[in-house]
Amino acid sequence: MAPATPPLSFDRLVTAIGQVDAELAAQASRAINVSLTLRNWLIGFHIAEYEQQGADRALYGDKLLDRLSDAAEILTRLSFSHIAELLQCDDPTKRAFYELECIRATGPCAS
């Protein structure tokens, strides 16, 4: 038979609630950051595929970003600078840096 657990005191109750809240809030934040990183990468990928049309480099002359910002609701949380930086990054390390900056700027508390 398992030993009986002592009843929670008020102080232990407060501590337990605080620990649960902190841990689950941290897990939620990590999950959101992963999702936003993936979202930003996929948006950049689709834009680059469209712009490059199979070429090694895109010819950014048709104001695609202006057209997208007017037409696509999904881009409302990213600024022109975010998208421009993501499009210009050929280096995976630099691209990851800018994706993280996008997440920070457009995170769950940002509007």
PDB file of N, CA and C in Angstrom:
ATOM      1  N   MET A   1       0.841  -1.177   0.000  1.00  0.00           N
ATOM      2  CA  MET A   1       0.000   0.000   0.000  1.00  0.00           C
ATOM      3  C   MET A   1       0.888   1.242   0.000  1.00  0.00           C
ATOM      4  N   ALA A   2       0.524   2.225  -0.803  1.00  0.00           N
ATOM      5  CA  ALA A   2       1.311   3.456  -0.927  1.00  0.00           C
ATOM      6  C   ALA A   2       1.165   4.303   0.332  1.00  0.00           C
ATOM      7  N   PRO A   3       2.259   4.970   0.714  1.00  0.00           N
ATOM      8  CA  PRO A   3       2.165   5.832   1.898  1.00  0.00           C
ATOM      9  C   PRO A   3       1.212   7.004   1.627  1.00  0.00           C
ATOM     10  N   ALA A   4       0.514   7.389   2.637  1.00  0.00           N
ATOM     11  CA  ALA A   4      -0.433   8.506   2.512  1.00  0.00           C
ATOM     12  C   ALA A   4       0.334   9.814   2.365  1.00  0.00           C
ATOM     13  N   THR A   5      -0.152  10.648   1.473  1.00  0.00           N
ATOM     14  CA  THR A   5       0.463  11.966   1.312  1.00  0.00           C
ATOM     15  C   THR A   5      -0.158  12.918   2.315  1.00  0.00           C
ATOM     16  N   PRO A   6       0.701  13.725   2.920  1.00  0.00           N
ATOM     17  CA  PRO A   6       0.149  14.680   3.888  1.00  0.00           C
ATOM     18  C   PRO A   6      -0.715  15.714   3.163  1.00  0.00           C
ATOM     19  N   PRO A   7      -1.729  16.208   3.823  1.00  0.00           N
ATOM     20  CA  PRO A   7      -2.567  17.228   3.188  1.00  0.00           C
ATOM     21  C   PRO A   7      -1.745  18.481   2.871  1.00  0.00           C
ATOM     22  N   LEU A   8      -2.126  19.146   1.781  1.00  0.00           N
ATOM     23  CA  LEU A   8      -1.423  20.365   1.367  1.00  0.00           C
ATOM     24  C   LEU A   8      -1.715  21.503   2.330  1.00  0.00           C
ATOM     25  N   SER A   9      -0.673  22.172   2.713  1.00  0.00           N
ATOM     26  CA  SER A   9      -0.867  23.415   3.453  1.00  0.00           C
ATOM     27  C   SER A   9      -1.150  24.510   2.428  1.00  0.00           C
ATOM     28  N   PHE A  10      -1.619  25.638   2.887  1.00  0.00           N
ATOM     29  CA  PHE A  10      -1.887  26.750   1.968  1.00  0.00           C
ATOM     30  C   PHE A  10      -0.610  27.160   1.234  1.00  0.00           C
ATOM     31  N   ASP A  11       0.520  27.229   1.932  1.00  0.00           N
ATOM     32  CA  ASP A  11       1.782  27.627   1.303  1.00  0.00           C
ATOM     33  C   ASP A  11       2.209  26.620   0.237  1.00  0.00           C
ATOM     34  N   ARG A  12       2.047  25.314   0.514  1.00  0.00           N
ATOM     35  CA  ARG A  12       2.391  24.300  -0.479  1.00  0.00           C
ATOM     36  C   ARG A  12       1.449  24.370  -1.675  1.00  0.00           C
ATOM     37  N   LEU A  13       0.183  24.664  -1.438  1.00  0.00           N
ATOM     38  CA  LEU A  13      -0.782  24.829  -2.525  1.00  0.00           C
ATOM     39  C   LEU A  13      -0.357  25.964  -3.445  1.00  0.00           C
ATOM     40  N   VAL A  14      -0.017  27.100  -2.871  1.00  0.00           N
ATOM     41  CA  VAL A  14       0.417  28.261  -3.651  1.00  0.00           C
ATOM     42  C   VAL A  14       1.670  27.916  -4.449  1.00  0.00           C
ATOM     43  N   THR A  15       2.630  27.227  -3.823  1.00  0.00           N
ATOM     44  CA  THR A  15       3.870  26.835  -4.504  1.00  0.00           C
ATOM     45  C   THR A  15       3.570  25.871  -5.654  1.00  0.00           C
ATOM     46  N   ALA A  16       2.714  24.879  -5.413  1.00  0.00           N
ATOM     47  CA  ALA A  16       2.378  23.902  -6.451  1.00  0.00           C
ATOM     48  C   ALA A  16       1.713  24.573  -7.648  1.00  0.00           C
ATOM     49  N   ILE A  17       0.786  25.465  -7.388  1.00  0.00           N
ATOM     50  CA  ILE A  17       0.101  26.187  -8.483  1.00  0.00           C
ATOM     51  C   ILE A  17       1.106  27.032  -9.259  1.00  0.00           C
ATOM     52  N   GLY A  18       1.997  27.709  -8.549  1.00  0.00           N
ATOM     53  CA  GLY A  18       3.007  28.530  -9.217  1.00  0.00           C
ATOM     54  C   GLY A  18       3.927  27.698 -10.103  1.00  0.00           C
ATOM     55  N   GLN A  19       4.325  26.504  -9.614  1.00  0.00           N
ATOM     56  CA  GLN A  19       5.201  25.632 -10.409  1.00  0.00           C
ATOM     57  C   GLN A  19       4.493  25.122 -11.656  1.00  0.00           C
ATOM     58  N   VAL A  20       3.247  24.690 -11.515  1.00  0.00           N
ATOM     59  CA  VAL A  20       2.473  24.216 -12.668  1.00  0.00           C
ATOM     60  C   VAL A  20       2.318  25.335 -13.691  1.00  0.00           C
ATOM     61  N   ASP A  21       1.955  26.512 -13.223  1.00  0.00           N
ATOM     62  CA  ASP A  21       1.773  27.655 -14.127  1.00  0.00           C
ATOM     63  C   ASP A  21       3.056  27.981 -14.869  1.00  0.00           C
ATOM     64  N   ALA A  22       4.168  28.073 -14.160  1.00  0.00           N
ATOM     65  CA  ALA A  22       5.442  28.438 -14.799  1.00  0.00           C
ATOM     66  C   ALA A  22       5.876  27.390 -15.814  1.00  0.00           C
ATOM     67  N   GLU A  23       5.791  26.121 -15.466  1.00  0.00           N
ATOM     68  CA  GLU A  23       6.243  25.060 -16.374  1.00  0.00           C
ATOM     69  C   GLU A  23       5.387  24.988 -17.635  1.00  0.00           C
ATOM     70  N   LEU A  24       4.084  25.011 -17.468  1.00  0.00           N
ATOM     71  CA  LEU A  24       3.208  24.910 -18.642  1.00  0.00           C
ATOM     72  C   LEU A  24       3.245  26.172 -19.493  1.00  0.00           C
ATOM     73  N   ALA A  25       3.418  27.335 -18.893  1.00  0.00           N
ATOM     74  CA  ALA A  25       3.582  28.567 -19.677  1.00  0.00           C
ATOM     75  C   ALA A  25       4.875  28.501 -20.491  1.00  0.00           C
ATOM     76  N   ALA A  26       5.938  27.962 -19.897  1.00  0.00           N
ATOM     77  CA  ALA A  26       7.206  27.823 -20.629  1.00  0.00           C
ATOM     78  C   ALA A  26       7.054  26.836 -21.781  1.00  0.00           C
ATOM     79  N   GLN A  27       6.346  25.733 -21.565  1.00  0.00           N
ATOM     80  CA  GLN A  27       6.120  24.763 -22.644  1.00  0.00           C
ATOM     81  C   GLN A  27       5.298  25.383 -23.769  1.00  0.00           C
ATOM     82  N   ALA A  28       4.293  26.137 -23.423  1.00  0.00           N
ATOM     83  CA  ALA A  28       3.465  26.796 -24.440  1.00  0.00           C
ATOM     84  C   ALA A  28       4.298  27.786 -25.247  1.00  0.00           C
ATOM     85  N   SER A  29       5.158  28.530 -24.570  1.00  0.00           N
ATOM     86  CA  SER A  29       6.011  29.502 -25.250  1.00  0.00           C
ATOM     87  C   SER A  29       6.956  28.814 -26.227  1.00  0.00           C
ATOM     88  N   ARG A  30       7.543  27.694 -25.806  1.00  0.00           N
ATOM     89  CA  ARG A  30       8.434  26.949 -26.706  1.00  0.00           C
ATOM     90  C   ARG A  30       7.669  26.441 -27.922  1.00  0.00           C
ATOM     91  N   ALA A  31       6.472  25.925 -27.722  1.00  0.00           N
ATOM     92  CA  ALA A  31       5.670  25.414 -28.836  1.00  0.00           C
ATOM     93  C   ALA A  31       5.316  26.528 -29.815  1.00  0.00           C
ATOM     94  N   ILE A  32       4.961  27.685 -29.280  1.00  0.00           N
ATOM     95  CA  ILE A  32       4.634  28.828 -30.140  1.00  0.00           C
ATOM     96  C   ILE A  32       5.864  29.258 -30.925  1.00  0.00           C
ATOM     97  N   ASN A  33       7.028  29.314 -30.283  1.00  0.00           N
ATOM     98  CA  ASN A  33       8.244  29.714 -30.984  1.00  0.00           C
ATOM     99  C   ASN A  33       8.585  28.755 -32.114  1.00  0.00           C
ATOM    100  N   VAL A  34       8.407  27.462 -31.887  1.00  0.00           N
ATOM    101  CA  VAL A  34       8.659  26.479 -32.944  1.00  0.00           C
ATOM    102  C   VAL A  34       7.696  26.713 -34.102  1.00  0.00           C
ATOM    103  N   SER A  35       6.435  26.904 -33.798  1.00  0.00           N
ATOM    104  CA  SER A  35       5.436  27.129 -34.847  1.00  0.00           C
ATOM    105  C   SER A  35       5.708  28.407 -35.630  1.00  0.00           C
ATOM    106  N   LEU A  36       6.075  29.481 -34.938  1.00  0.00           N
ATOM    107  CA  LEU A  36       6.350  30.736 -35.638  1.00  0.00           C
ATOM    108  C   LEU A  36       7.606  30.636 -36.490  1.00  0.00           C
ATOM    109  N   THR A  37       8.618  29.928 -36.023  1.00  0.00           N
ATOM    110  CA  THR A  37       9.824  29.724 -36.826  1.00  0.00           C
ATOM    111  C   THR A  37       9.473  28.971 -38.098  1.00  0.00           C
ATOM    112  N   LEU A  38       8.706  27.903 -37.949  1.00  0.00           N
ATOM    113  CA  LEU A  38       8.293  27.131 -39.113  1.00  0.00           C
ATOM    114  C   LEU A  38       7.446  27.978 -40.058  1.00  0.00           C
ATOM    115  N   ARG A  39       6.525  28.744 -39.506  1.00  0.00           N
ATOM    116  CA  ARG A  39       5.686  29.615 -40.343  1.00  0.00           C
ATOM    117  C   ARG A  39       6.535  30.588 -41.141  1.00  0.00           C
ATOM    118  N   ASN A  40       7.482  31.252 -40.482  1.00  0.00           N
ATOM    119  CA  ASN A  40       8.321  32.238 -41.163  1.00  0.00           C
ATOM    120  C   ASN A  40       9.189  31.591 -42.231  1.00  0.00           C
ATOM    121  N   TRP A  41       9.722  30.415 -41.927  1.00  0.00           N
ATOM    122  CA  TRP A  41      10.545  29.722 -42.913  1.00  0.00           C
ATOM    123  C   TRP A  41       9.710  29.351 -44.128  1.00  0.00           C
ATOM    124  N   LEU A  42       8.516  28.809 -43.901  1.00  0.00           N
ATOM    125  CA  LEU A  42       7.659  28.404 -45.020  1.00  0.00           C
ATOM    126  C   LEU A  42       7.199  29.590 -45.856  1.00  0.00           C
ATOM    127  N   ILE A  43       6.880  30.690 -45.219  1.00  0.00           N
ATOM    128  CA  ILE A  43       6.503  31.888 -45.982  1.00  0.00           C
ATOM    129  C   ILE A  43       7.667  32.325 -46.857  1.00  0.00           C
ATOM    130  N   GLY A  44       8.866  32.391 -46.283  1.00  0.00           N
ATOM    131  CA  GLY A  44      10.046  32.754 -47.062  1.00  0.00           C
ATOM    132  C   GLY A  44      10.308  31.783 -48.196  1.00  0.00           C
ATOM    133  N   PHE A  45      10.135  30.499 -47.923  1.00  0.00           N
ATOM    134  CA  PHE A  45      10.340  29.472 -48.950  1.00  0.00           C
ATOM    135  C   PHE A  45       9.385  29.676 -50.117  1.00  0.00           C
ATOM    136  N   HIS A  46       8.087  29.869 -49.810  1.00  0.00           N
ATOM    137  CA  HIS A  46       7.099  30.039 -50.876  1.00  0.00           C
ATOM    138  C   HIS A  46       7.355  31.315 -51.682  1.00  0.00           C
ATOM    139  N   ILE A  47       7.710  32.375 -51.001  1.00  0.00           N
ATOM    140  CA  ILE A  47       8.006  33.628 -51.709  1.00  0.00           C
ATOM    141  C   ILE A  47       9.227  33.444 -52.601  1.00  0.00           C
ATOM    142  N   ALA A  48      10.275  32.806 -52.087  1.00  0.00           N
ATOM    143  CA  ALA A  48      11.488  32.585 -52.882  1.00  0.00           C
ATOM    144  C   ALA A  48      11.194  31.696 -54.081  1.00  0.00           C
ATOM    145  N   GLU A  49      10.414  30.638 -53.895  1.00  0.00           N
ATOM    146  CA  GLU A  49      10.056  29.767 -55.018  1.00  0.00           C
ATOM    147  C   GLU A  49       9.308  30.543 -56.095  1.00  0.00           C
ATOM    148  N   TYR A  50       8.378  31.370 -55.680  1.00  0.00           N
ATOM    149  CA  TYR A  50       7.611  32.164 -56.632  1.00  0.00           C
ATOM    150  C   TYR A  50       8.522  33.140 -57.378  1.00  0.00           C
ATOM    151  N   GLU A  51       9.360  33.840 -56.630  1.00  0.00           N
ATOM    152  CA  GLU A  51      10.240  34.847 -57.224  1.00  0.00           C
ATOM    153  C   GLU A  51      11.281  34.227 -58.156  1.00  0.00           C
ATOM    154  N   GLN A  52      11.854  33.117 -57.748  1.00  0.00           N
ATOM    155  CA  GLN A  52      12.960  32.550 -58.510  1.00  0.00           C
ATOM    156  C   GLN A  52      12.493  31.768 -59.726  1.00  0.00           C
ATOM    157  N   GLN A  53      11.318  31.208 -59.695  1.00  0.00           N
ATOM    158  CA  GLN A  53      10.784  30.439 -60.823  1.00  0.00           C
ATOM    159  C   GLN A  53      11.826  29.460 -61.367  1.00  0.00           C
ATOM    160  N   GLY A  54      12.526  28.765 -60.492  1.00  0.00           N
ATOM    161  CA  GLY A  54      13.518  27.778 -60.891  1.00  0.00           C
ATOM    162  C   GLY A  54      14.919  28.329 -61.097  1.00  0.00           C
ATOM    163  N   ALA A  55      15.091  29.643 -61.092  1.00  0.00           N
ATOM    164  CA  ALA A  55      16.417  30.246 -61.268  1.00  0.00           C
ATOM    165  C   ALA A  55      17.175  30.236 -59.944  1.00  0.00           C
ATOM    166  N   ASP A  56      18.492  30.413 -60.020  1.00  0.00           N
ATOM    167  CA  ASP A  56      19.300  30.468 -58.805  1.00  0.00           C
ATOM    168  C   ASP A  56      19.013  31.723 -57.989  1.00  0.00           C
ATOM    169  N   ARG A  57      18.749  32.822 -58.649  1.00  0.00           N
ATOM    170  CA  ARG A  57      18.492  34.101 -57.973  1.00  0.00           C
ATOM    171  C   ARG A  57      17.215  34.715 -58.532  1.00  0.00           C
ATOM    172  N   ALA A  58      16.522  35.450 -57.697  1.00  0.00           N
ATOM    173  CA  ALA A  58      15.298  36.138 -58.124  1.00  0.00           C
ATOM    174  C   ALA A  58      15.643  37.518 -58.653  1.00  0.00           C
ATOM    175  N   LEU A  59      14.737  38.072 -59.436  1.00  0.00           N
ATOM    176  CA  LEU A  59      14.897  39.428 -59.978  1.00  0.00           C
ATOM    177  C   LEU A  59      13.947  40.367 -59.278  1.00  0.00           C
ATOM    178  N   TYR A  60      14.031  40.779 -58.156  1.00  0.00           N
ATOM    179  CA  TYR A  60      13.056  41.496 -57.350  1.00  0.00           C
ATOM    180  C   TYR A  60      12.540  42.800 -57.973  1.00  0.00           C
ATOM    181  N   GLY A  61      12.044  42.753 -59.195  1.00  0.00           N
ATOM    182  CA  GLY A  61      11.633  43.989 -59.838  1.00  0.00           C
ATOM    183  C   GLY A  61      10.143  44.194 -59.931  1.00  0.00           C
ATOM    184  N   ASP A  62       9.336  43.244 -59.532  1.00  0.00           N
ATOM    185  CA  ASP A  62       7.895  43.384 -59.773  1.00  0.00           C
ATOM    186  C   ASP A  62       7.087  43.751 -58.531  1.00  0.00           C
ATOM    187  N   LYS A  63       7.735  44.232 -57.488  1.00  0.00           N
ATOM    188  CA  LYS A  63       7.072  44.693 -56.263  1.00  0.00           C
ATOM    189  C   LYS A  63       6.181  43.614 -55.650  1.00  0.00           C
ATOM    190  N   LEU A  64       6.692  42.384 -55.659  1.00  0.00           N
ATOM    191  CA  LEU A  64       5.943  41.260 -55.126  1.00  0.00           C
ATOM    192  C   LEU A  64       5.543  41.481 -53.677  1.00  0.00           C
ATOM    193  N   LEU A  65       6.454  41.985 -52.873  1.00  0.00           N
ATOM    194  CA  LEU A  65       6.137  42.153 -51.456  1.00  0.00           C
ATOM    195  C   LEU A  65       5.008  43.147 -51.242  1.00  0.00           C
ATOM    196  N   ASP A  66       4.971  44.201 -52.054  1.00  0.00           N
ATOM    197  CA  ASP A  66       3.853  45.150 -51.947  1.00  0.00           C
ATOM    198  C   ASP A  66       2.539  44.459 -52.299  1.00  0.00           C
ATOM    199  N   ARG A  67       2.560  43.653 -53.350  1.00  0.00           N
ATOM    200  CA  ARG A  67       1.352  42.937 -53.772  1.00  0.00           C
ATOM    201  C   ARG A  67       0.912  41.940 -52.710  1.00  0.00           C
ATOM    202  N   LEU A  68       1.874  41.209 -52.142  1.00  0.00           N
ATOM    203  CA  LEU A  68       1.536  40.235 -51.106  1.00  0.00           C
ATOM    204  C   LEU A  68       0.978  40.895 -49.860  1.00  0.00           C
ATOM    205  N   SER A  69       1.586  42.001 -49.451  1.00  0.00           N
ATOM    206  CA  SER A  69       1.114  42.654 -48.232  1.00  0.00           C
ATOM    207  C   SER A  69      -0.306  43.173 -48.400  1.00  0.00           C
ATOM    208  N   ASP A  70      -0.681  43.531 -49.628  1.00  0.00           N
ATOM    209  CA  ASP A  70      -2.049  43.979 -49.870  1.00  0.00           C
ATOM    210  C   ASP A  70      -3.032  42.805 -49.933  1.00  0.00           C
ATOM    211  N   ALA A  71      -2.551  41.637 -50.362  1.00  0.00           N
ATOM    212  CA  ALA A  71      -3.462  40.527 -50.645  1.00  0.00           C
ATOM    213  C   ALA A  71      -3.523  39.441 -49.581  1.00  0.00           C
ATOM    214  N   ALA A  72      -2.481  39.214 -48.852  1.00  0.00           N
ATOM    215  CA  ALA A  72      -2.431  38.032 -47.985  1.00  0.00           C
ATOM    216  C   ALA A  72      -2.549  38.399 -46.515  1.00  0.00           C
ATOM    217  N   GLU A  73      -3.592  37.927 -45.884  1.00  0.00           N
ATOM    218  CA  GLU A  73      -3.794  38.224 -44.456  1.00  0.00           C
ATOM    219  C   GLU A  73      -2.721  37.594 -43.590  1.00  0.00           C
ATOM    220  N   ILE A  74      -2.160  36.488 -44.019  1.00  0.00           N
ATOM    221  CA  ILE A  74      -1.168  35.806 -43.191  1.00  0.00           C
ATOM    222  C   ILE A  74       0.068  36.667 -42.963  1.00  0.00           C
ATOM    223  N   LEU A  75       0.310  37.609 -43.838  1.00  0.00           N
ATOM    224  CA  LEU A  75       1.498  38.442 -43.728  1.00  0.00           C
ATOM    225  C   LEU A  75       1.291  39.682 -42.871  1.00  0.00           C
ATOM    226  N   THR A  76       0.113  39.831 -42.305  1.00  0.00           N
ATOM    227  CA  THR A  76      -0.159  41.050 -41.551  1.00  0.00           C
ATOM    228  C   THR A  76       0.700  41.197 -40.304  1.00  0.00           C
ATOM    229  N   ARG A  77       1.218  40.094 -39.772  1.00  0.00           N
ATOM    230  CA  ARG A  77       2.050  40.176 -38.571  1.00  0.00           C
ATOM    231  C   ARG A  77       3.516  40.375 -38.889  1.00  0.00           C
ATOM    232  N   LEU A  78       3.916  40.223 -40.151  1.00  0.00           N
ATOM    233  CA  LEU A  78       5.321  40.429 -40.517  1.00  0.00           C
ATOM    234  C   LEU A  78       5.461  41.782 -41.193  1.00  0.00           C
ATOM    235  N   SER A  79       6.495  42.490 -40.827  1.00  0.00           N
ATOM    236  CA  SER A  79       6.733  43.776 -41.473  1.00  0.00           C
ATOM    237  C   SER A  79       7.478  43.551 -42.786  1.00  0.00           C
ATOM    238  N   PHE A  80       7.538  44.576 -43.587  1.00  0.00           N
ATOM    239  CA  PHE A  80       8.296  44.508 -44.835  1.00  0.00           C
ATOM    240  C   PHE A  80       9.741  44.122 -44.556  1.00  0.00           C
ATOM    241  N   SER A  81      10.321  44.686 -43.492  1.00  0.00           N
ATOM    242  CA  SER A  81      11.722  44.389 -43.162  1.00  0.00           C
ATOM    243  C   SER A  81      11.917  42.917 -42.842  1.00  0.00           C
ATOM    244  N   HIS A  82      10.969  42.326 -42.098  1.00  0.00           N
ATOM    245  CA  HIS A  82      11.087  40.907 -41.781  1.00  0.00           C
ATOM    246  C   HIS A  82      11.132  40.078 -43.057  1.00  0.00           C
ATOM    247  N   ILE A  83      10.185  40.326 -43.931  1.00  0.00           N
ATOM    248  CA  ILE A  83      10.102  39.540 -45.163  1.00  0.00           C
ATOM    249  C   ILE A  83      11.331  39.796 -46.033  1.00  0.00           C
ATOM    250  N   ALA A  84      11.744  41.048 -46.145  1.00  0.00           N
ATOM    251  CA  ALA A  84      12.908  41.377 -46.970  1.00  0.00           C
ATOM    252  C   ALA A  84      14.155  40.662 -46.468  1.00  0.00           C
ATOM    253  N   GLU A  85      14.345  40.623 -45.156  1.00  0.00           N
ATOM    254  CA  GLU A  85      15.521  39.941 -44.597  1.00  0.00           C
ATOM    255  C   GLU A  85      15.444  38.437 -44.847  1.00  0.00           C
ATOM    256  N   LEU A  86      14.269  37.864 -44.671  1.00  0.00           N
ATOM    257  CA  LEU A  86      14.124  36.425 -44.902  1.00  0.00           C
ATOM    258  C   LEU A  86      14.391  36.068 -46.363  1.00  0.00           C
ATOM    259  N   LEU A  87      13.959  36.913 -47.274  1.00  0.00           N
ATOM    260  CA  LEU A  87      14.180  36.651 -48.701  1.00  0.00           C
ATOM    261  C   LEU A  87      15.648  36.746 -49.108  1.00  0.00           C
ATOM    262  N   GLN A  88      16.390  37.606 -48.466  1.00  0.00           N
ATOM    263  CA  GLN A  88      17.778  37.841 -48.857  1.00  0.00           C
ATOM    264  C   GLN A  88      18.752  36.817 -48.301  1.00  0.00           C
ATOM    265  N   CYS A  89      18.340  36.000 -47.374  1.00  0.00           N
ATOM    266  CA  CYS A  89      19.277  35.123 -46.661  1.00  0.00           C
ATOM    267  C   CYS A  89      19.508  33.816 -47.396  1.00  0.00           C
ATOM    268  N   ASP A  90      20.691  33.666 -47.957  1.00  0.00           N
ATOM    269  CA  ASP A  90      21.093  32.391 -48.546  1.00  0.00           C
ATOM    270  C   ASP A  90      21.786  31.523 -47.506  1.00  0.00           C
ATOM    271  N   ASP A  91      22.364  32.148 -46.497  1.00  0.00           N
ATOM    272  CA  ASP A  91      23.094  31.440 -45.450  1.00  0.00           C
ATOM    273  C   ASP A  91      22.111  30.946 -44.384  1.00  0.00           C
ATOM    274  N   PRO A  92      22.072  29.632 -44.117  1.00  0.00           N
ATOM    275  CA  PRO A  92      21.104  29.103 -43.150  1.00  0.00           C
ATOM    276  C   PRO A  92      21.247  29.698 -41.748  1.00  0.00           C
ATOM    277  N   THR A  93      22.467  29.993 -41.338  1.00  0.00           N
ATOM    278  CA  THR A  93      22.669  30.564 -40.001  1.00  0.00           C
ATOM    279  C   THR A  93      22.080  31.967 -39.924  1.00  0.00           C
ATOM    280  N   LYS A  94      22.355  32.777 -40.941  1.00  0.00           N
ATOM    281  CA  LYS A  94      21.794  34.133 -40.964  1.00  0.00           C
ATOM    282  C   LYS A  94      20.268  34.075 -41.040  1.00  0.00           C
ATOM    283  N   ARG A  95      19.747  33.171 -41.875  1.00  0.00           N
ATOM    284  CA  ARG A  95      18.289  33.066 -42.017  1.00  0.00           C
ATOM    285  C   ARG A  95      17.664  32.685 -40.678  1.00  0.00           C
ATOM    286  N   ALA A  96      18.277  31.743 -39.961  1.00  0.00           N
ATOM    287  CA  ALA A  96      17.757  31.342 -38.647  1.00  0.00           C
ATOM    288  C   ALA A  96      17.757  32.529 -37.689  1.00  0.00           C
ATOM    289  N   PHE A  97      18.803  33.352 -37.754  1.00  0.00           N
ATOM    290  CA  PHE A  97      18.865  34.549 -36.905  1.00  0.00           C
ATOM    291  C   PHE A  97      17.681  35.470 -37.204  1.00  0.00           C
ATOM    292  N   TYR A  98      17.426  35.734 -38.473  1.00  0.00           N
ATOM    293  CA  TYR A  98      16.334  36.641 -38.819  1.00  0.00           C
ATOM    294  C   TYR A  98      14.972  36.025 -38.504  1.00  0.00           C
ATOM    295  N   GLU A  99      14.848  34.697 -38.629  1.00  0.00           N
ATOM    296  CA  GLU A  99      13.596  34.058 -38.240  1.00  0.00           C
ATOM    297  C   GLU A  99      13.333  34.268 -36.750  1.00  0.00           C
ATOM    298  N   LEU A 100      14.372  34.105 -35.946  1.00  0.00           N
ATOM    299  CA  LEU A 100      14.209  34.333 -34.508  1.00  0.00           C
ATOM    300  C   LEU A 100      13.854  35.784 -34.208  1.00  0.00           C
ATOM    301  N   GLU A 101      14.451  36.710 -34.951  1.00  0.00           N
ATOM    302  CA  GLU A 101      14.110  38.125 -34.757  1.00  0.00           C
ATOM    303  C   GLU A 101      12.648  38.374 -35.113  1.00  0.00           C
ATOM    304  N   CYS A 102      12.165  37.721 -36.162  1.00  0.00           N
ATOM    305  CA  CYS A 102      10.747  37.848 -36.528  1.00  0.00           C
ATOM    306  C   CYS A 102       9.858  37.328 -35.404  1.00  0.00           C
ATOM    307  N   ILE A 103      10.256  36.201 -34.839  1.00  0.00           N
ATOM    308  CA  ILE A 103       9.470  35.625 -33.755  1.00  0.00           C
ATOM    309  C   ILE A 103       9.408  36.582 -32.577  1.00  0.00           C
ATOM    310  N   ARG A 104      10.571  37.141 -32.236  1.00  0.00           N
ATOM    311  CA  ARG A 104      10.602  38.086 -31.118  1.00  0.00           C
ATOM    312  C   ARG A 104       9.708  39.295 -31.390  1.00  0.00           C
ATOM    313  N   ALA A 105       9.745  39.789 -32.603  1.00  0.00           N
ATOM    314  CA  ALA A 105       8.988  41.003 -32.929  1.00  0.00           C
ATOM    315  C   ALA A 105       7.508  40.739 -33.094  1.00  0.00           C
ATOM    316  N   THR A 106       7.143  39.520 -33.488  1.00  0.00           N
ATOM    317  CA  THR A 106       5.743  39.216 -33.751  1.00  0.00           C
ATOM    318  C   THR A 106       5.195  38.150 -32.834  1.00  0.00           C
ATOM    319  N   GLY A 107       5.852  37.959 -31.695  1.00  0.00           N
ATOM    320  CA  GLY A 107       5.476  36.905 -30.753  1.00  0.00           C
ATOM    321  C   GLY A 107       4.052  37.038 -30.249  1.00  0.00           C
ATOM    322  N   PRO A 108       3.643  36.094 -29.389  1.00  0.00           N
ATOM    323  CA  PRO A 108       2.243  36.045 -28.944  1.00  0.00           C
ATOM    324  C   PRO A 108       1.786  37.302 -28.206  1.00  0.00           C
ATOM    325  N   CYS A 109       2.695  38.062 -27.642  1.00  0.00           N
ATOM    326  CA  CYS A 109       2.297  39.285 -26.931  1.00  0.00           C
ATOM    327  C   CYS A 109       2.317  40.510 -27.827  1.00  0.00           C
ATOM    328  N   ALA A 110       2.904  40.375 -29.023  1.00  0.00           N
ATOM    329  CA  ALA A 110       2.959  41.526 -29.944  1.00  0.00           C
ATOM    330  C   ALA A 110       1.645  41.637 -30.684  1.00  0.00           C
ATOM    331  N   SER A 111       1.360  42.824 -31.135  1.00  0.00           N
ATOM    332  CA  SER A 111       0.102  42.980 -31.894  1.00  0.00           C
ATOM    333  C   SER A 111       0.420  43.417 -33.296  1.00  0.00           C
TER     334      SER A 111
END
